[in-house]
Amino acid sequence: MADVAEKAGVSRALVSIVFRNQPGASQETRERVLRVADEIGYRPDNAARLLARGRSRTLGVMFTVHQTFHTNLIEGIYPEAERLGYDVLLSAAAQARSEAKAVEALLGHRCEAVILLGPDAEAAYLDELGRRTVTVSVSRRVPHARVDFVHSAEAKGIRQAMDHLVELGHRRIVHIDGGRGPGSAERRRAYRSAMRRHGLESEVRVIPGDHTEQSGIETGHLLLAERDRGLPLPTAVLAGNDRCAWGLLMILTRSGVDVPRDLSVVGYDDSHLSHLMPIGLTTVRQDAALMAEHAVRFAVERLENRALEPREAVVDPKLVVRGTSGPAPEEPAS
């Protein structure tokens, strides 16, 4: 600022007035100061200015590198944060970087609140974190933790998917479990409940897995190996999420299984890649934009009132029918 003031022939205080857009400088002076700043490459350090006031007005977001649905959520977080006057700082959890380390990095950069996308941490850690700083968990609900929660109505989404498959005549419907992934327990319970409701309890089969393509690939190999031993393929597979469904589709199509003629596949998330595949994925859509808005608003509202009790926003999902689901194949004559 001293360099700008010297070159523009004004005081440093006047330069400060111009950059804060406060009254006290003529239009000619403002234009000269801004022109000089541009010429010498000066940019105001907004972060330093905010920190001098004891605020960073920055929301930290912890996400997982390979979870495509997290990019949808992040895309929704930015505009809502900007609308409310906050910046966003991202920190990734990866195979060699724990969620705790990603969160500590955000706190080390003076983020005022943290938004956790699909956290896998223990409930005790989330509760402790929520008592240290304003915390919002997206896609994972942990009862009794001092954290705000935003998630989709998992059971409703699974029920829509299962009703769709049963209406198409499917009975041998397999579910690939999401393991410890966010929403997995609820989706697993909802699948079992839907099978019972449709009188298909004897056909219930949950294959262990997780929210990765590798899980779908391994399930594909398993089902094909069973077919080679004379066992029938299921007529439909409800995957734990879209990534798992993509892995399964890759193996099935490479092995000559016609989807959906021979077997239908349904995912969960409707992440941005689900409609870009050669055959569009039938999936349950989570409203990422609305979930992101809730998460940002929860964080900002709690920053303004720390006495608020933990809150929960439940967003309705919606089945999106594309090309990977169709009528159940006819059973061979006995």
C-alpha atoms as a PDB file:
ATOM      1  CA  MET A   1       0.000   0.000   0.000  1.00  0.00           C
ATOM      2  CA  ALA A   2       2.922   2.348   0.699  1.00  0.00           C
ATOM      3  CA  ASP A   3       4.228   1.751  -2.841  1.00  0.00           C
ATOM      4  CA  VAL A   4       0.809   2.525  -4.329  1.00  0.00           C
ATOM      5  CA  ALA A   5       0.490   5.667  -2.203  1.00  0.00           C
ATOM      6  CA  GLU A   6       3.939   6.939  -3.216  1.00  0.00           C
ATOM      7  CA  LYS A   7       3.414   6.355  -6.935  1.00  0.00           C
ATOM      8  CA  ALA A   8      -0.119   7.783  -6.905  1.00  0.00           C
ATOM      9  CA  GLY A   9       0.954  10.820  -4.879  1.00  0.00           C
ATOM     10  CA  VAL A  10      -1.544  10.242  -2.049  1.00  0.00           C
ATOM     11  CA  SER A  11      -1.408   9.108   1.570  1.00  0.00           C
ATOM     12  CA  ARG A  12      -1.493   5.444   2.603  1.00  0.00           C
ATOM     13  CA  ALA A  13      -4.707   6.170   4.497  1.00  0.00           C
ATOM     14  CA  LEU A  14      -6.341   7.363   1.276  1.00  0.00           C
ATOM     15  CA  VAL A  15      -5.231   4.173  -0.508  1.00  0.00           C
ATOM     16  CA  SER A  16      -6.875   2.181   2.275  1.00  0.00           C
ATOM     17  CA  ILE A  17     -10.102   4.170   1.830  1.00  0.00           C
ATOM     18  CA  VAL A  18     -10.115   3.397  -1.891  1.00  0.00           C
ATOM     19  CA  PHE A  19      -9.575  -0.348  -1.440  1.00  0.00           C
ATOM     20  CA  ARG A  20     -12.227  -0.555   1.263  1.00  0.00           C
ATOM     21  CA  ASN A  21     -14.585   1.353  -1.032  1.00  0.00           C
ATOM     22  CA  GLN A  22     -15.296   3.877   1.719  1.00  0.00           C
ATOM     23  CA  PRO A  23     -16.270   7.535   1.219  1.00  0.00           C
ATOM     24  CA  GLY A  24     -13.513  10.156   1.392  1.00  0.00           C
ATOM     25  CA  ALA A  25     -11.794   9.966  -2.010  1.00  0.00           C
ATOM     26  CA  SER A  26     -12.793  11.673  -5.252  1.00  0.00           C
ATOM     27  CA  GLN A  27     -13.618   9.635  -8.319  1.00  0.00           C
ATOM     28  CA  GLU A  28     -10.430  10.891 -10.004  1.00  0.00           C
ATOM     29  CA  THR A  29      -8.315   9.797  -7.029  1.00  0.00           C
ATOM     30  CA  ARG A  30      -9.998   6.403  -6.912  1.00  0.00           C
ATOM     31  CA  GLU A  31      -9.303   5.798 -10.572  1.00  0.00           C
ATOM     32  CA  ARG A  32      -5.660   6.891 -10.193  1.00  0.00           C
ATOM     33  CA  VAL A  33      -5.063   4.682  -7.162  1.00  0.00           C
ATOM     34  CA  LEU A  34      -6.642   1.643  -8.813  1.00  0.00           C
ATOM     35  CA  ARG A  35      -4.690   2.251 -12.028  1.00  0.00           C
ATOM     36  CA  VAL A  36      -1.383   2.453 -10.121  1.00  0.00           C
ATOM     37  CA  ALA A  37      -2.237  -0.673  -8.128  1.00  0.00           C
ATOM     38  CA  ASP A  38      -2.916  -2.535 -11.368  1.00  0.00           C
ATOM     39  CA  GLU A  39       0.337  -1.306 -12.919  1.00  0.00           C
ATOM     40  CA  ILE A  40       2.502  -2.545 -10.035  1.00  0.00           C
ATOM     41  CA  GLY A  41       0.476  -5.737  -9.509  1.00  0.00           C
ATOM     42  CA  TYR A  42      -0.808  -4.905  -6.030  1.00  0.00           C
ATOM     43  CA  ARG A  43      -3.796  -6.814  -4.656  1.00  0.00           C
ATOM     44  CA  PRO A  44      -5.355  -6.147  -1.226  1.00  0.00           C
ATOM     45  CA  ASP A  45      -4.834  -9.000   1.242  1.00  0.00           C
ATOM     46  CA  ASN A  46      -8.426  -9.565   2.252  1.00  0.00           C
ATOM     47  CA  ALA A  47      -7.529 -12.535   4.440  1.00  0.00           C
ATOM     48  CA  ALA A  48      -5.116 -10.449   6.488  1.00  0.00           C
ATOM     49  CA  ARG A  49      -7.684  -7.666   6.814  1.00  0.00           C
ATOM     50  CA  LEU A  50     -10.332 -10.083   8.067  1.00  0.00           C
ATOM     51  CA  LEU A  51      -7.946 -11.783  10.479  1.00  0.00           C
ATOM     52  CA  ALA A  52      -7.044  -8.383  11.921  1.00  0.00           C
ATOM     53  CA  ARG A  53     -10.732  -8.152  12.823  1.00  0.00           C
ATOM     54  CA  GLY A  54     -10.704 -11.637  14.335  1.00  0.00           C
ATOM     55  CA  ARG A  55     -12.622 -13.230  11.433  1.00  0.00           C
ATOM     56  CA  SER A  56     -11.578 -15.221   8.382  1.00  0.00           C
ATOM     57  CA  ARG A  57     -15.092 -15.583   6.906  1.00  0.00           C
ATOM     58  CA  THR A  58     -13.886 -18.869   5.408  1.00  0.00           C
ATOM     59  CA  LEU A  59     -15.700 -22.200   5.420  1.00  0.00           C
ATOM     60  CA  GLY A  60     -13.520 -25.291   5.252  1.00  0.00           C
ATOM     61  CA  VAL A  61     -14.732 -28.284   3.239  1.00  0.00           C
ATOM     62  CA  MET A  62     -13.306 -31.772   3.739  1.00  0.00           C
ATOM     63  CA  PHE A  63     -13.931 -34.128   0.809  1.00  0.00           C
ATOM     64  CA  THR A  64     -12.684 -37.470  -0.496  1.00  0.00           C
ATOM     65  CA  VAL A  65     -10.596 -37.341  -3.659  1.00  0.00           C
ATOM     66  CA  HIS A  66     -12.246 -40.096  -5.697  1.00  0.00           C
ATOM     67  CA  GLN A  67     -15.884 -39.589  -4.674  1.00  0.00           C
ATOM     68  CA  THR A  68     -17.466 -37.993  -7.724  1.00  0.00           C
ATOM     69  CA  PHE A  69     -20.620 -37.004  -5.827  1.00  0.00           C
ATOM     70  CA  HIS A  70     -18.467 -34.778  -3.629  1.00  0.00           C
ATOM     71  CA  THR A  71     -17.610 -32.639  -6.660  1.00  0.00           C
ATOM     72  CA  ASN A  72     -21.352 -32.110  -7.182  1.00  0.00           C
ATOM     73  CA  LEU A  73     -21.687 -30.984  -3.572  1.00  0.00           C
ATOM     74  CA  ILE A  74     -18.667 -28.657  -3.804  1.00  0.00           C
ATOM     75  CA  GLU A  75     -20.110 -27.093  -6.939  1.00  0.00           C
ATOM     76  CA  GLY A  76     -23.197 -26.188  -4.894  1.00  0.00           C
ATOM     77  CA  ILE A  77     -21.272 -25.005  -1.829  1.00  0.00           C
ATOM     78  CA  TYR A  78     -19.357 -22.230  -3.590  1.00  0.00           C
ATOM     79  CA  PRO A  79     -22.290 -20.070  -4.803  1.00  0.00           C
ATOM     80  CA  GLU A  80     -24.185 -20.334  -1.509  1.00  0.00           C
ATOM     81  CA  ALA A  81     -21.083 -19.422   0.498  1.00  0.00           C
ATOM     82  CA  GLU A  82     -20.389 -16.467  -1.785  1.00  0.00           C
ATOM     83  CA  ARG A  83     -23.989 -15.311  -1.470  1.00  0.00           C
ATOM     84  CA  LEU A  84     -23.595 -15.236   2.314  1.00  0.00           C
ATOM     85  CA  GLY A  85     -20.233 -13.463   2.159  1.00  0.00           C
ATOM     86  CA  TYR A  86     -17.884 -16.384   2.825  1.00  0.00           C
ATOM     87  CA  ASP A  87     -14.908 -17.884   1.016  1.00  0.00           C
ATOM     88  CA  VAL A  88     -14.378 -21.643   0.709  1.00  0.00           C
ATOM     89  CA  LEU A  89     -11.205 -23.620   1.378  1.00  0.00           C
ATOM     90  CA  LEU A  90     -10.956 -27.275   0.318  1.00  0.00           C
ATOM     91  CA  SER A  91      -8.943 -30.045   1.982  1.00  0.00           C
ATOM     92  CA  ALA A  92      -8.912 -33.613   0.647  1.00  0.00           C
ATOM     93  CA  ALA A  93      -8.849 -36.937   2.412  1.00  0.00           C
ATOM     94  CA  ALA A  94      -7.032 -39.582   0.382  1.00  0.00           C
ATOM     95  CA  GLN A  95      -5.454 -42.994   0.782  1.00  0.00           C
ATOM     96  CA  ALA A  96      -2.329 -41.484   2.306  1.00  0.00           C
ATOM     97  CA  ARG A  97      -4.074 -38.580   4.079  1.00  0.00           C
ATOM     98  CA  SER A  98      -6.588 -39.171   6.847  1.00  0.00           C
ATOM     99  CA  GLU A  99      -9.799 -37.240   7.350  1.00  0.00           C
ATOM    100  CA  ALA A 100      -8.447 -35.938  10.662  1.00  0.00           C
ATOM    101  CA  LYS A 101      -5.362 -34.538   8.928  1.00  0.00           C
ATOM    102  CA  ALA A 102      -7.523 -32.915   6.241  1.00  0.00           C
ATOM    103  CA  VAL A 103      -9.687 -31.288   8.927  1.00  0.00           C
ATOM    104  CA  GLU A 104      -6.713 -30.074  10.985  1.00  0.00           C
ATOM    105  CA  ALA A 105      -5.325 -28.402   7.872  1.00  0.00           C
ATOM    106  CA  LEU A 106      -8.574 -26.456   7.513  1.00  0.00           C
ATOM    107  CA  LEU A 107      -8.505 -25.383  11.136  1.00  0.00           C
ATOM    108  CA  GLY A 108      -4.835 -24.451  10.769  1.00  0.00           C
ATOM    109  CA  HIS A 109      -5.863 -22.054   8.000  1.00  0.00           C
ATOM    110  CA  ARG A 110      -8.344 -20.411  10.412  1.00  0.00           C
ATOM    111  CA  CYS A 111     -11.532 -21.690   8.825  1.00  0.00           C
ATOM    112  CA  GLU A 112     -14.437 -20.591  10.992  1.00  0.00           C
ATOM    113  CA  ALA A 113     -16.482 -23.734  10.313  1.00  0.00           C
ATOM    114  CA  VAL A 114     -15.935 -27.106   8.659  1.00  0.00           C
ATOM    115  CA  ILE A 115     -18.301 -28.948   6.322  1.00  0.00           C
ATOM    116  CA  LEU A 116     -17.512 -32.662   6.130  1.00  0.00           C
ATOM    117  CA  LEU A 117     -18.613 -34.481   2.975  1.00  0.00           C
ATOM    118  CA  GLY A 118     -19.389 -38.118   3.726  1.00  0.00           C
ATOM    119  CA  PRO A 119     -17.093 -38.420   6.765  1.00  0.00           C
ATOM    120  CA  ASP A 120     -15.984 -41.903   7.793  1.00  0.00           C
ATOM    121  CA  ALA A 121     -14.726 -40.846  11.235  1.00  0.00           C
ATOM    122  CA  GLU A 122     -15.902 -42.354  14.498  1.00  0.00           C
ATOM    123  CA  ALA A 123     -18.899 -40.748  16.189  1.00  0.00           C
ATOM    124  CA  ALA A 124     -16.783 -39.726  19.191  1.00  0.00           C
ATOM    125  CA  TYR A 125     -14.391 -37.794  16.944  1.00  0.00           C
ATOM    126  CA  LEU A 126     -17.249 -35.967  15.211  1.00  0.00           C
ATOM    127  CA  ASP A 127     -18.782 -35.043  18.552  1.00  0.00           C
ATOM    128  CA  GLU A 128     -15.428 -33.747  19.836  1.00  0.00           C
ATOM    129  CA  LEU A 129     -14.874 -31.786  16.619  1.00  0.00           C
ATOM    130  CA  GLY A 130     -18.353 -30.287  16.863  1.00  0.00           C
ATOM    131  CA  ARG A 131     -17.514 -29.011  20.340  1.00  0.00           C
ATOM    132  CA  ARG A 132     -14.240 -27.468  19.098  1.00  0.00           C
ATOM    133  CA  THR A 133     -15.654 -25.683  16.065  1.00  0.00           C
ATOM    134  CA  VAL A 134     -18.818 -25.307  14.006  1.00  0.00           C
ATOM    135  CA  THR A 135     -19.235 -28.589  12.107  1.00  0.00           C
ATOM    136  CA  VAL A 136     -21.705 -29.846   9.510  1.00  0.00           C
ATOM    137  CA  SER A 137     -21.771 -33.462   8.320  1.00  0.00           C
ATOM    138  CA  VAL A 138     -23.176 -34.104   4.852  1.00  0.00           C
ATOM    139  CA  SER A 139     -24.480 -37.574   3.854  1.00  0.00           C
ATOM    140  CA  ARG A 140     -23.705 -39.130   7.219  1.00  0.00           C
ATOM    141  CA  ARG A 141     -25.916 -38.885  10.281  1.00  0.00           C
ATOM    142  CA  VAL A 142     -24.434 -39.516  13.733  1.00  0.00           C
ATOM    143  CA  PRO A 143     -27.044 -39.290  16.510  1.00  0.00           C
ATOM    144  CA  HIS A 144     -26.128 -37.391  19.686  1.00  0.00           C
ATOM    145  CA  ALA A 145     -23.026 -35.720  18.195  1.00  0.00           C
ATOM    146  CA  ARG A 146     -22.713 -31.941  18.521  1.00  0.00           C
ATOM    147  CA  VAL A 147     -22.885 -31.598  14.749  1.00  0.00           C
ATOM    148  CA  ASP A 148     -25.483 -30.447  12.219  1.00  0.00           C
ATOM    149  CA  PHE A 149     -26.489 -33.053   9.628  1.00  0.00           C
ATOM    150  CA  VAL A 150     -27.610 -32.883   5.997  1.00  0.00           C
ATOM    151  CA  HIS A 151     -28.523 -36.067   4.152  1.00  0.00           C
ATOM    152  CA  SER A 152     -31.007 -37.520   1.713  1.00  0.00           C
ATOM    153  CA  ALA A 153     -33.927 -39.716   2.747  1.00  0.00           C
ATOM    154  CA  GLU A 154     -32.042 -42.929   1.959  1.00  0.00           C
ATOM    155  CA  ALA A 155     -34.940 -45.296   2.628  1.00  0.00           C
ATOM    156  CA  LYS A 156     -37.251 -43.344   0.338  1.00  0.00           C
ATOM    157  CA  GLY A 157     -34.698 -43.449  -2.497  1.00  0.00           C
ATOM    158  CA  ILE A 158     -34.128 -47.197  -2.174  1.00  0.00           C
ATOM    159  CA  ARG A 159     -37.872 -47.791  -2.015  1.00  0.00           C
ATOM    160  CA  GLN A 160     -38.329 -45.937  -5.315  1.00  0.00           C
ATOM    161  CA  ALA A 161     -35.572 -47.987  -6.952  1.00  0.00           C
ATOM    162  CA  MET A 162     -36.927 -51.285  -5.664  1.00  0.00           C
ATOM    163  CA  ASP A 163     -40.526 -50.494  -6.669  1.00  0.00           C
ATOM    164  CA  HIS A 164     -39.249 -49.639 -10.155  1.00  0.00           C
ATOM    165  CA  LEU A 165     -37.436 -52.968 -10.493  1.00  0.00           C
ATOM    166  CA  VAL A 166     -40.322 -55.031  -9.126  1.00  0.00           C
ATOM    167  CA  GLU A 167     -42.749 -53.296 -11.494  1.00  0.00           C
ATOM    168  CA  LEU A 168     -40.447 -54.396 -14.326  1.00  0.00           C
ATOM    169  CA  GLY A 169     -40.861 -58.010 -13.175  1.00  0.00           C
ATOM    170  CA  HIS A 170     -37.593 -58.484 -11.297  1.00  0.00           C
ATOM    171  CA  ARG A 171     -37.426 -60.911  -8.391  1.00  0.00           C
ATOM    172  CA  ARG A 172     -33.774 -61.929  -8.065  1.00  0.00           C
ATOM    173  CA  ILE A 173     -32.540 -58.506  -7.014  1.00  0.00           C
ATOM    174  CA  VAL A 174     -29.086 -58.363  -5.429  1.00  0.00           C
ATOM    175  CA  HIS A 175     -27.744 -55.449  -3.390  1.00  0.00           C
ATOM    176  CA  ILE A 176     -24.044 -54.540  -3.320  1.00  0.00           C
ATOM    177  CA  ASP A 177     -23.434 -53.154   0.147  1.00  0.00           C
ATOM    178  CA  GLY A 178     -21.580 -49.870   0.631  1.00  0.00           C
ATOM    179  CA  GLY A 179     -19.662 -51.034   3.705  1.00  0.00           C
ATOM    180  CA  ARG A 180     -18.887 -48.099   6.002  1.00  0.00           C
ATOM    181  CA  GLY A 181     -19.758 -45.553   3.314  1.00  0.00           C
ATOM    182  CA  PRO A 182     -22.211 -42.754   4.158  1.00  0.00           C
ATOM    183  CA  GLY A 183     -25.819 -43.892   3.958  1.00  0.00           C
ATOM    184  CA  SER A 184     -24.863 -47.539   3.470  1.00  0.00           C
ATOM    185  CA  ALA A 185     -26.531 -48.911   6.586  1.00  0.00           C
ATOM    186  CA  GLU A 186     -29.777 -47.111   5.779  1.00  0.00           C
ATOM    187  CA  ARG A 187     -29.708 -48.315   2.153  1.00  0.00           C
ATOM    188  CA  ARG A 188     -29.038 -51.887   3.250  1.00  0.00           C
ATOM    189  CA  ARG A 189     -31.960 -51.845   5.704  1.00  0.00           C
ATOM    190  CA  ALA A 190     -34.236 -50.266   3.103  1.00  0.00           C
ATOM    191  CA  TYR A 191     -33.333 -52.946   0.530  1.00  0.00           C
ATOM    192  CA  ARG A 192     -34.167 -55.755   2.964  1.00  0.00           C
ATOM    193  CA  SER A 193     -37.393 -54.031   3.945  1.00  0.00           C
ATOM    194  CA  ALA A 194     -38.439 -53.562   0.312  1.00  0.00           C
ATOM    195  CA  MET A 195     -37.740 -57.205  -0.515  1.00  0.00           C
ATOM    196  CA  ARG A 196     -39.921 -58.284   2.428  1.00  0.00           C
ATOM    197  CA  ARG A 197     -42.668 -55.847   1.444  1.00  0.00           C
ATOM    198  CA  HIS A 198     -42.765 -57.317  -2.078  1.00  0.00           C
ATOM    199  CA  GLY A 199     -42.826 -60.906  -0.799  1.00  0.00           C
ATOM    200  CA  LEU A 200     -39.265 -61.583  -1.955  1.00  0.00           C
ATOM    201  CA  GLU A 201     -37.627 -62.279   1.393  1.00  0.00           C
ATOM    202  CA  SER A 202     -36.312 -65.639   0.169  1.00  0.00           C
ATOM    203  CA  GLU A 203     -34.444 -63.822  -2.637  1.00  0.00           C
ATOM    204  CA  VAL A 204     -32.610 -61.350  -0.368  1.00  0.00           C
ATOM    205  CA  ARG A 205     -28.885 -61.261  -1.068  1.00  0.00           C
ATOM    206  CA  VAL A 206     -26.466 -58.605   0.142  1.00  0.00           C
ATOM    207  CA  ILE A 207     -22.954 -58.798  -1.319  1.00  0.00           C
ATOM    208  CA  PRO A 208     -20.258 -57.088   0.786  1.00  0.00           C
ATOM    209  CA  GLY A 209     -18.676 -54.091  -0.913  1.00  0.00           C
ATOM    210  CA  ASP A 210     -17.935 -50.390  -0.657  1.00  0.00           C
ATOM    211  CA  HIS A 211     -18.428 -47.157  -2.599  1.00  0.00           C
ATOM    212  CA  THR A 212     -15.736 -47.772  -5.218  1.00  0.00           C
ATOM    213  CA  GLU A 213     -15.528 -49.045  -8.797  1.00  0.00           C
ATOM    214  CA  GLN A 214     -13.391 -51.918  -7.542  1.00  0.00           C
ATOM    215  CA  SER A 215     -16.297 -53.164  -5.459  1.00  0.00           C
ATOM    216  CA  GLY A 216     -18.481 -53.336  -8.567  1.00  0.00           C
ATOM    217  CA  ILE A 217     -15.706 -55.026 -10.544  1.00  0.00           C
ATOM    218  CA  GLU A 218     -15.269 -57.715  -7.884  1.00  0.00           C
ATOM    219  CA  THR A 219     -19.016 -58.307  -7.704  1.00  0.00           C
ATOM    220  CA  GLY A 220     -19.132 -58.651 -11.474  1.00  0.00           C
ATOM    221  CA  HIS A 221     -16.411 -61.299 -11.401  1.00  0.00           C
ATOM    222  CA  LEU A 222     -18.252 -63.115  -8.600  1.00  0.00           C
ATOM    223  CA  LEU A 223     -21.580 -63.201 -10.441  1.00  0.00           C
ATOM    224  CA  LEU A 224     -19.968 -64.329 -13.695  1.00  0.00           C
ATOM    225  CA  ALA A 225     -18.064 -67.095 -11.907  1.00  0.00           C
ATOM    226  CA  GLU A 226     -21.331 -68.290 -10.384  1.00  0.00           C
ATOM    227  CA  ARG A 227     -22.939 -68.271 -13.838  1.00  0.00           C
ATOM    228  CA  ASP A 228     -20.092 -70.394 -15.170  1.00  0.00           C
ATOM    229  CA  ARG A 229     -20.838 -72.932 -12.417  1.00  0.00           C
ATOM    230  CA  GLY A 230     -24.448 -73.172 -13.611  1.00  0.00           C
ATOM    231  CA  LEU A 231     -26.033 -70.733 -11.181  1.00  0.00           C
ATOM    232  CA  PRO A 232     -28.425 -68.122 -12.620  1.00  0.00           C
ATOM    233  CA  LEU A 233     -27.440 -64.468 -12.732  1.00  0.00           C
ATOM    234  CA  PRO A 234     -29.623 -62.138 -10.718  1.00  0.00           C
ATOM    235  CA  THR A 235     -32.041 -60.243 -12.919  1.00  0.00           C
ATOM    236  CA  ALA A 236     -31.145 -56.911 -11.298  1.00  0.00           C
ATOM    237  CA  VAL A 237     -28.426 -55.403  -9.108  1.00  0.00           C
ATOM    238  CA  LEU A 238     -28.926 -52.426  -6.822  1.00  0.00           C
ATOM    239  CA  ALA A 239     -25.441 -50.963  -6.322  1.00  0.00           C
ATOM    240  CA  GLY A 240     -24.374 -49.053  -3.213  1.00  0.00           C
ATOM    241  CA  ASN A 241     -23.598 -45.971  -5.291  1.00  0.00           C
ATOM    242  CA  ASP A 242     -22.883 -44.887  -8.867  1.00  0.00           C
ATOM    243  CA  ARG A 243     -19.159 -45.665  -8.740  1.00  0.00           C
ATOM    244  CA  CYS A 244     -19.880 -49.242  -7.716  1.00  0.00           C
ATOM    245  CA  ALA A 245     -22.476 -49.505 -10.507  1.00  0.00           C
ATOM    246  CA  TRP A 246     -19.938 -48.262 -13.085  1.00  0.00           C
ATOM    247  CA  GLY A 247     -17.423 -50.943 -12.070  1.00  0.00           C
ATOM    248  CA  LEU A 248     -20.095 -53.625 -12.350  1.00  0.00           C
ATOM    249  CA  LEU A 249     -21.255 -52.377 -15.766  1.00  0.00           C
ATOM    250  CA  MET A 250     -17.694 -52.406 -17.074  1.00  0.00           C
ATOM    251  CA  ILE A 251     -17.197 -56.094 -16.247  1.00  0.00           C
ATOM    252  CA  LEU A 252     -20.649 -57.172 -17.423  1.00  0.00           C
ATOM    253  CA  THR A 253     -20.399 -55.459 -20.814  1.00  0.00           C
ATOM    254  CA  ARG A 254     -16.850 -56.737 -21.389  1.00  0.00           C
ATOM    255  CA  SER A 255     -18.122 -60.254 -20.694  1.00  0.00           C
ATOM    256  CA  GLY A 256     -20.969 -60.035 -23.178  1.00  0.00           C
ATOM    257  CA  VAL A 257     -23.799 -59.534 -20.689  1.00  0.00           C
ATOM    258  CA  ASP A 258     -26.404 -57.279 -22.291  1.00  0.00           C
ATOM    259  CA  VAL A 259     -27.550 -54.535 -19.915  1.00  0.00           C
ATOM    260  CA  PRO A 260     -30.495 -54.212 -19.434  1.00  0.00           C
ATOM    261  CA  ARG A 261     -31.729 -57.159 -21.544  1.00  0.00           C
ATOM    262  CA  ASP A 262     -29.936 -59.792 -19.449  1.00  0.00           C
ATOM    263  CA  LEU A 263     -29.528 -57.864 -16.206  1.00  0.00           C
ATOM    264  CA  SER A 264     -30.583 -54.430 -14.939  1.00  0.00           C
ATOM    265  CA  VAL A 265     -28.328 -52.167 -12.862  1.00  0.00           C
ATOM    266  CA  VAL A 266     -29.349 -49.269 -10.611  1.00  0.00           C
ATOM    267  CA  GLY A 267     -26.974 -46.884  -8.837  1.00  0.00           C
ATOM    268  CA  TYR A 268     -27.334 -44.216  -6.166  1.00  0.00           C
ATOM    269  CA  ASP A 269     -26.235 -40.525  -6.216  1.00  0.00           C
ATOM    270  CA  ASP A 270     -26.774 -39.390  -9.837  1.00  0.00           C
ATOM    271  CA  SER A 271     -23.267 -37.951  -9.824  1.00  0.00           C
ATOM    272  CA  HIS A 272     -22.357 -35.935 -12.906  1.00  0.00           C
ATOM    273  CA  LEU A 273     -20.800 -38.875 -14.784  1.00  0.00           C
ATOM    274  CA  SER A 274     -23.878 -41.108 -14.517  1.00  0.00           C
ATOM    275  CA  HIS A 275     -25.488 -39.675 -17.664  1.00  0.00           C
ATOM    276  CA  LEU A 276     -22.266 -39.402 -19.691  1.00  0.00           C
ATOM    277  CA  MET A 277     -21.657 -43.125 -20.095  1.00  0.00           C
ATOM    278  CA  PRO A 278     -22.401 -44.889 -23.409  1.00  0.00           C
ATOM    279  CA  ILE A 279     -25.523 -46.218 -21.690  1.00  0.00           C
ATOM    280  CA  GLY A 280     -27.062 -43.825 -19.173  1.00  0.00           C
ATOM    281  CA  LEU A 281     -27.209 -45.156 -15.612  1.00  0.00           C
ATOM    282  CA  THR A 282     -30.560 -45.551 -13.884  1.00  0.00           C
ATOM    283  CA  THR A 283     -29.910 -44.171 -10.426  1.00  0.00           C
ATOM    284  CA  VAL A 284     -31.366 -42.457  -7.383  1.00  0.00           C
ATOM    285  CA  ARG A 285     -30.663 -38.737  -7.546  1.00  0.00           C
ATOM    286  CA  GLN A 286     -29.509 -36.928  -4.437  1.00  0.00           C
ATOM    287  CA  ASP A 287     -30.158 -33.189  -4.772  1.00  0.00           C
ATOM    288  CA  ALA A 288     -26.549 -32.040  -4.363  1.00  0.00           C
ATOM    289  CA  ALA A 289     -27.342 -28.345  -4.842  1.00  0.00           C
ATOM    290  CA  LEU A 290     -30.015 -28.320  -2.141  1.00  0.00           C
ATOM    291  CA  MET A 291     -27.871 -30.387   0.241  1.00  0.00           C
ATOM    292  CA  ALA A 292     -24.998 -27.936  -0.290  1.00  0.00           C
ATOM    293  CA  GLU A 293     -27.243 -24.957   0.419  1.00  0.00           C
ATOM    294  CA  HIS A 294     -28.465 -26.516   3.664  1.00  0.00           C
ATOM    295  CA  ALA A 295     -24.900 -27.306   4.755  1.00  0.00           C
ATOM    296  CA  VAL A 296     -23.635 -23.753   4.156  1.00  0.00           C
ATOM    297  CA  ARG A 297     -26.648 -22.164   5.827  1.00  0.00           C
ATOM    298  CA  PHE A 298     -26.339 -24.447   8.850  1.00  0.00           C
ATOM    299  CA  ALA A 299     -22.674 -23.472   9.227  1.00  0.00           C
ATOM    300  CA  VAL A 300     -23.292 -19.729   8.893  1.00  0.00           C
ATOM    301  CA  GLU A 301     -26.337 -19.744  11.189  1.00  0.00           C
ATOM    302  CA  ARG A 302     -24.394 -21.571  13.890  1.00  0.00           C
ATOM    303  CA  LEU A 303     -21.515 -19.115  13.560  1.00  0.00           C
ATOM    304  CA  GLU A 304     -24.046 -16.401  14.338  1.00  0.00           C
ATOM    305  CA  ASN A 305     -25.647 -18.355  17.209  1.00  0.00           C
ATOM    306  CA  ARG A 306     -23.509 -20.998  18.912  1.00  0.00           C
ATOM    307  CA  ALA A 307     -26.353 -21.861  21.308  1.00  0.00           C
ATOM    308  CA  LEU A 308     -28.394 -23.568  18.594  1.00  0.00           C
ATOM    309  CA  GLU A 309     -29.163 -27.222  19.206  1.00  0.00           C
ATOM    310  CA  PRO A 310     -27.899 -29.688  16.553  1.00  0.00           C
ATOM    311  CA  ARG A 311     -30.154 -29.619  13.490  1.00  0.00           C
ATOM    312  CA  GLU A 312     -30.914 -32.029  10.664  1.00  0.00           C
ATOM    313  CA  ALA A 313     -32.005 -31.432   7.079  1.00  0.00           C
ATOM    314  CA  VAL A 314     -33.401 -34.399   5.154  1.00  0.00           C
ATOM    315  CA  VAL A 315     -33.609 -33.930   1.377  1.00  0.00           C
ATOM    316  CA  ASP A 316     -35.934 -36.062  -0.755  1.00  0.00           C
ATOM    317  CA  PRO A 317     -34.199 -38.164  -3.443  1.00  0.00           C
ATOM    318  CA  LYS A 318     -35.696 -39.016  -6.822  1.00  0.00           C
ATOM    319  CA  LEU A 319     -35.328 -42.042  -9.074  1.00  0.00           C
ATOM    320  CA  VAL A 320     -33.908 -41.156 -12.508  1.00  0.00           C
ATOM    321  CA  VAL A 321     -34.658 -43.874 -15.074  1.00  0.00           C
ATOM    322  CA  ARG A 322     -32.160 -44.151 -17.916  1.00  0.00           C
ATOM    323  CA  GLY A 323     -30.824 -47.022 -19.992  1.00  0.00           C
ATOM    324  CA  THR A 324     -29.549 -49.622 -17.507  1.00  0.00           C
ATOM    325  CA  SER A 325     -32.938 -50.840 -16.241  1.00  0.00           C
ATOM    326  CA  GLY A 326     -35.505 -52.757 -18.252  1.00  0.00           C
ATOM    327  CA  PRO A 327     -37.969 -55.658 -18.034  1.00  0.00           C
ATOM    328  CA  ALA A 328     -36.751 -58.784 -16.273  1.00  0.00           C
ATOM    329  CA  PRO A 329     -35.558 -61.470 -18.718  1.00  0.00           C
ATOM    330  CA  GLU A 330     -37.882 -64.395 -19.253  1.00  0.00           C
ATOM    331  CA  GLU A 331     -37.070 -67.391 -17.110  1.00  0.00           C
ATOM    332  CA  PRO A 332     -35.964 -70.472 -19.087  1.00  0.00           C
ATOM    333  CA  ALA A 333     -38.574 -73.194 -19.331  1.00  0.00           C
ATOM    334  CA  SER A 334     -38.130 -75.890 -16.701  1.00  0.00           C
END
